[in-house]
Amino acid sequence: MATFESVWRSIEACSGQVFHTKRGIPFSYDVRHGQVHLANTNRILPRTDFARAHALMPLSGPGQLQDLQGPSYIFGILTDRRIGA
């Protein structure tokens, strides 16, 4: 499994690209000040939530992340092949 630092660098590098939730809903994001700003909603996902989710990998679904902000989005990003979590 990749380190969280390398995963976070991939998340930053993929900023602006289209990702999908497990249900297939497309979304994109920008990374600013250590936070993921979702383009399709007013949600801001902190880096710490990605670190917590990464520690739980592998994940079977966003239901395992219900205690985090935007679990569907975090799951969609971390399980995407471009991120390599």
N, C-alpha and C. Protein backbone atom coordinates (compact mmCIF):
# COMPACT_ATOMS: atom_id res chain seq x y z
N MET A 1 0.85 -1.19 0.00
CA MET A 1 0.00 0.00 0.00
C MET A 1 0.89 1.25 0.00
N ALA A 2 0.49 2.24 -0.74
CA ALA A 2 1.23 3.49 -0.83
C ALA A 2 1.15 4.27 0.48
N THR A 3 2.17 5.07 0.74
CA THR A 3 2.14 5.92 1.93
C THR A 3 1.11 7.01 1.74
N PHE A 4 0.63 7.55 2.85
CA PHE A 4 -0.37 8.61 2.71
C PHE A 4 0.23 9.83 2.02
N GLU A 5 1.49 10.14 2.26
CA GLU A 5 2.10 11.31 1.61
C GLU A 5 2.10 11.16 0.09
N SER A 6 2.38 9.97 -0.42
CA SER A 6 2.36 9.78 -1.87
C SER A 6 0.93 9.83 -2.40
N VAL A 7 -0.02 9.31 -1.62
CA VAL A 7 -1.43 9.38 -2.00
C VAL A 7 -1.88 10.84 -2.04
N TRP A 8 -1.51 11.63 -1.05
CA TRP A 8 -1.91 13.03 -1.03
C TRP A 8 -1.32 13.79 -2.22
N ARG A 9 -0.08 13.49 -2.59
CA ARG A 9 0.52 14.12 -3.77
C ARG A 9 -0.27 13.76 -5.03
N SER A 10 -0.75 12.53 -5.11
CA SER A 10 -1.58 12.13 -6.26
C SER A 10 -2.92 12.86 -6.25
N ILE A 11 -3.51 13.02 -5.07
CA ILE A 11 -4.76 13.77 -4.96
C ILE A 11 -4.55 15.20 -5.45
N GLU A 12 -3.46 15.82 -5.02
CA GLU A 12 -3.16 17.18 -5.48
C GLU A 12 -2.94 17.22 -6.99
N ALA A 13 -2.22 16.25 -7.53
CA ALA A 13 -1.90 16.22 -8.96
C ALA A 13 -3.15 16.02 -9.83
N CYS A 14 -4.17 15.37 -9.29
CA CYS A 14 -5.38 15.09 -10.05
C CYS A 14 -6.46 16.15 -9.86
N SER A 15 -6.13 17.22 -9.19
CA SER A 15 -7.06 18.32 -8.97
C SER A 15 -7.63 18.79 -10.32
N GLY A 16 -8.93 18.96 -10.39
CA GLY A 16 -9.59 19.42 -11.60
C GLY A 16 -10.07 18.30 -12.52
N GLN A 17 -9.63 17.07 -12.29
CA GLN A 17 -10.06 15.94 -13.10
C GLN A 17 -11.41 15.42 -12.60
N VAL A 18 -12.09 14.69 -13.44
CA VAL A 18 -13.40 14.13 -13.07
C VAL A 18 -13.21 12.77 -12.40
N PHE A 19 -13.85 12.63 -11.26
CA PHE A 19 -13.89 11.38 -10.50
C PHE A 19 -15.34 10.94 -10.41
N HIS A 20 -15.59 9.75 -9.86
CA HIS A 20 -16.96 9.25 -9.71
C HIS A 20 -17.14 8.62 -8.33
N THR A 21 -18.32 8.83 -7.77
CA THR A 21 -18.67 8.15 -6.53
C THR A 21 -18.92 6.67 -6.86
N LYS A 22 -19.10 5.86 -5.87
CA LYS A 22 -19.37 4.44 -6.09
C LYS A 22 -20.63 4.25 -6.92
N ARG A 23 -21.58 5.16 -6.79
CA ARG A 23 -22.84 5.09 -7.56
C ARG A 23 -22.70 5.68 -8.96
N GLY A 24 -21.52 6.17 -9.31
CA GLY A 24 -21.28 6.68 -10.66
C GLY A 24 -21.53 8.16 -10.85
N ILE A 25 -21.75 8.90 -9.77
CA ILE A 25 -22.00 10.33 -9.88
C ILE A 25 -20.66 11.05 -10.11
N PRO A 26 -20.55 11.83 -11.20
CA PRO A 26 -19.29 12.52 -11.48
C PRO A 26 -19.10 13.74 -10.59
N PHE A 27 -17.84 14.03 -10.26
CA PHE A 27 -17.51 15.23 -9.49
C PHE A 27 -16.05 15.58 -9.76
N SER A 28 -15.70 16.79 -9.45
CA SER A 28 -14.31 17.22 -9.52
C SER A 28 -14.01 18.06 -8.29
N TYR A 29 -12.73 18.37 -8.11
CA TYR A 29 -12.32 19.10 -6.92
C TYR A 29 -11.07 19.91 -7.19
N ASP A 30 -10.79 20.84 -6.30
CA ASP A 30 -9.54 21.58 -6.27
C ASP A 30 -8.94 21.39 -4.89
N VAL A 31 -7.63 21.36 -4.81
CA VAL A 31 -6.94 21.28 -3.51
C VAL A 31 -6.38 22.64 -3.19
N ARG A 32 -6.80 23.17 -2.04
CA ARG A 32 -6.31 24.47 -1.58
C ARG A 32 -6.06 24.40 -0.08
N HIS A 33 -4.88 24.83 0.33
CA HIS A 33 -4.54 24.92 1.76
C HIS A 33 -4.76 23.61 2.50
N GLY A 34 -4.41 22.49 1.87
CA GLY A 34 -4.54 21.20 2.53
C GLY A 34 -5.96 20.71 2.66
N GLN A 35 -6.84 21.21 1.81
CA GLN A 35 -8.24 20.80 1.84
C GLN A 35 -8.71 20.52 0.41
N VAL A 36 -9.64 19.58 0.28
CA VAL A 36 -10.25 19.28 -1.00
C VAL A 36 -11.57 20.05 -1.07
N HIS A 37 -11.65 20.94 -2.06
CA HIS A 37 -12.86 21.75 -2.27
C HIS A 37 -13.62 21.14 -3.44
N LEU A 38 -14.79 20.58 -3.16
CA LEU A 38 -15.59 19.94 -4.20
C LEU A 38 -16.22 20.98 -5.10
N ALA A 39 -16.16 20.75 -6.41
CA ALA A 39 -16.68 21.73 -7.38
C ALA A 39 -18.20 21.68 -7.49
N ASN A 40 -18.82 20.53 -7.22
CA ASN A 40 -20.26 20.39 -7.42
C ASN A 40 -21.08 20.67 -6.17
N THR A 41 -20.41 20.89 -5.04
CA THR A 41 -21.12 21.20 -3.79
C THR A 41 -20.30 22.26 -3.05
N ASN A 42 -20.80 22.71 -1.94
CA ASN A 42 -20.06 23.66 -1.10
C ASN A 42 -19.24 22.94 -0.04
N ARG A 43 -19.01 21.65 -0.21
CA ARG A 43 -18.29 20.87 0.80
C ARG A 43 -16.80 21.04 0.68
N ILE A 44 -16.17 21.06 1.83
CA ILE A 44 -14.71 21.10 1.94
C ILE A 44 -14.30 19.91 2.78
N LEU A 45 -13.40 19.09 2.23
CA LEU A 45 -12.97 17.88 2.90
C LEU A 45 -11.54 18.05 3.40
N PRO A 46 -11.32 17.95 4.70
CA PRO A 46 -9.98 18.16 5.24
C PRO A 46 -9.02 17.02 4.92
N ARG A 47 -7.77 17.35 4.78
CA ARG A 47 -6.71 16.36 4.52
C ARG A 47 -6.71 15.28 5.59
N THR A 48 -6.99 15.66 6.83
CA THR A 48 -6.98 14.70 7.93
C THR A 48 -8.01 13.59 7.73
N ASP A 49 -9.15 13.91 7.10
CA ASP A 49 -10.15 12.88 6.83
C ASP A 49 -9.64 11.89 5.79
N PHE A 50 -8.89 12.36 4.81
CA PHE A 50 -8.29 11.46 3.83
C PHE A 50 -7.25 10.56 4.51
N ALA A 51 -6.49 11.12 5.43
CA ALA A 51 -5.49 10.32 6.16
C ALA A 51 -6.18 9.24 6.99
N ARG A 52 -7.26 9.59 7.65
CA ARG A 52 -7.99 8.60 8.45
C ARG A 52 -8.57 7.50 7.57
N ALA A 53 -9.12 7.87 6.41
CA ALA A 53 -9.68 6.88 5.49
C ALA A 53 -8.58 6.00 4.92
N HIS A 54 -7.46 6.61 4.59
CA HIS A 54 -6.33 5.85 4.03
C HIS A 54 -5.87 4.77 5.01
N ALA A 55 -5.89 5.08 6.29
CA ALA A 55 -5.47 4.12 7.31
C ALA A 55 -6.40 2.91 7.37
N LEU A 56 -7.62 3.04 6.84
CA LEU A 56 -8.60 1.95 6.85
C LEU A 56 -8.57 1.12 5.57
N MET A 57 -7.75 1.50 4.61
CA MET A 57 -7.71 0.80 3.32
C MET A 57 -7.29 -0.64 3.52
N PRO A 58 -7.81 -1.58 2.74
CA PRO A 58 -8.76 -1.38 1.64
C PRO A 58 -10.19 -1.21 2.15
N LEU A 59 -10.96 -0.45 1.40
CA LEU A 59 -12.34 -0.16 1.76
C LEU A 59 -13.28 -0.86 0.78
N SER A 60 -14.41 -1.30 1.27
CA SER A 60 -15.40 -1.92 0.39
C SER A 60 -16.48 -0.94 -0.05
N GLY A 61 -16.61 0.17 0.68
CA GLY A 61 -17.62 1.15 0.31
C GLY A 61 -17.58 2.36 1.23
N PRO A 62 -18.26 3.44 0.85
CA PRO A 62 -18.25 4.66 1.65
C PRO A 62 -18.94 4.51 3.01
N GLY A 63 -19.71 3.46 3.19
CA GLY A 63 -20.35 3.23 4.47
C GLY A 63 -19.36 3.03 5.61
N GLN A 64 -18.15 2.65 5.27
CA GLN A 64 -17.11 2.47 6.29
C GLN A 64 -16.52 3.82 6.75
N LEU A 65 -16.94 4.90 6.09
CA LEU A 65 -16.36 6.23 6.36
C LEU A 65 -17.40 7.22 6.86
N GLN A 66 -18.49 6.74 7.43
CA GLN A 66 -19.59 7.62 7.81
C GLN A 66 -19.22 8.66 8.86
N ASP A 67 -18.13 8.46 9.58
CA ASP A 67 -17.73 9.44 10.58
C ASP A 67 -16.87 10.56 9.99
N LEU A 68 -16.65 10.54 8.67
CA LEU A 68 -15.84 11.56 8.00
C LEU A 68 -16.72 12.46 7.14
N GLN A 69 -16.20 13.63 6.79
CA GLN A 69 -16.90 14.55 5.90
C GLN A 69 -16.92 13.97 4.49
N GLY A 70 -18.06 13.95 3.82
CA GLY A 70 -18.15 13.52 2.43
C GLY A 70 -17.62 12.14 2.15
N PRO A 71 -18.11 11.11 2.85
CA PRO A 71 -17.56 9.77 2.67
C PRO A 71 -17.63 9.26 1.23
N SER A 72 -18.67 9.58 0.49
CA SER A 72 -18.78 9.11 -0.89
C SER A 72 -17.68 9.69 -1.77
N TYR A 73 -17.34 10.94 -1.51
CA TYR A 73 -16.29 11.60 -2.29
C TYR A 73 -14.91 11.09 -1.90
N ILE A 74 -14.68 10.94 -0.63
CA ILE A 74 -13.39 10.42 -0.16
C ILE A 74 -13.17 9.01 -0.72
N PHE A 75 -14.21 8.18 -0.65
CA PHE A 75 -14.11 6.83 -1.19
C PHE A 75 -13.83 6.87 -2.69
N GLY A 76 -14.56 7.72 -3.41
CA GLY A 76 -14.37 7.83 -4.86
C GLY A 76 -12.96 8.24 -5.24
N ILE A 77 -12.38 9.13 -4.47
CA ILE A 77 -11.02 9.59 -4.76
C ILE A 77 -10.00 8.52 -4.38
N LEU A 78 -10.08 8.01 -3.17
CA LEU A 78 -9.07 7.06 -2.70
C LEU A 78 -9.07 5.74 -3.45
N THR A 79 -10.20 5.32 -3.98
CA THR A 79 -10.24 4.04 -4.67
C THR A 79 -10.06 4.17 -6.19
N ASP A 80 -9.87 5.39 -6.67
CA ASP A 80 -9.62 5.60 -8.09
C ASP A 80 -8.22 5.13 -8.45
N ARG A 81 -8.05 4.51 -9.59
CA ARG A 81 -6.75 3.97 -10.00
C ARG A 81 -5.68 5.05 -10.15
N ARG A 82 -6.09 6.30 -10.40
CA ARG A 82 -5.10 7.40 -10.53
C ARG A 82 -4.45 7.76 -9.22
N ILE A 83 -5.11 7.45 -8.10
CA ILE A 83 -4.60 7.84 -6.79
C ILE A 83 -3.68 6.77 -6.22
N GLY A 84 -3.99 5.53 -6.42
CA GLY A 84 -3.11 4.45 -5.99
C GLY A 84 -2.99 4.25 -4.50
N ALA A 85 -4.12 4.48 -3.78
CA ALA A 85 -4.11 4.30 -2.33
C ALA A 85 -3.97 2.83 -2.01
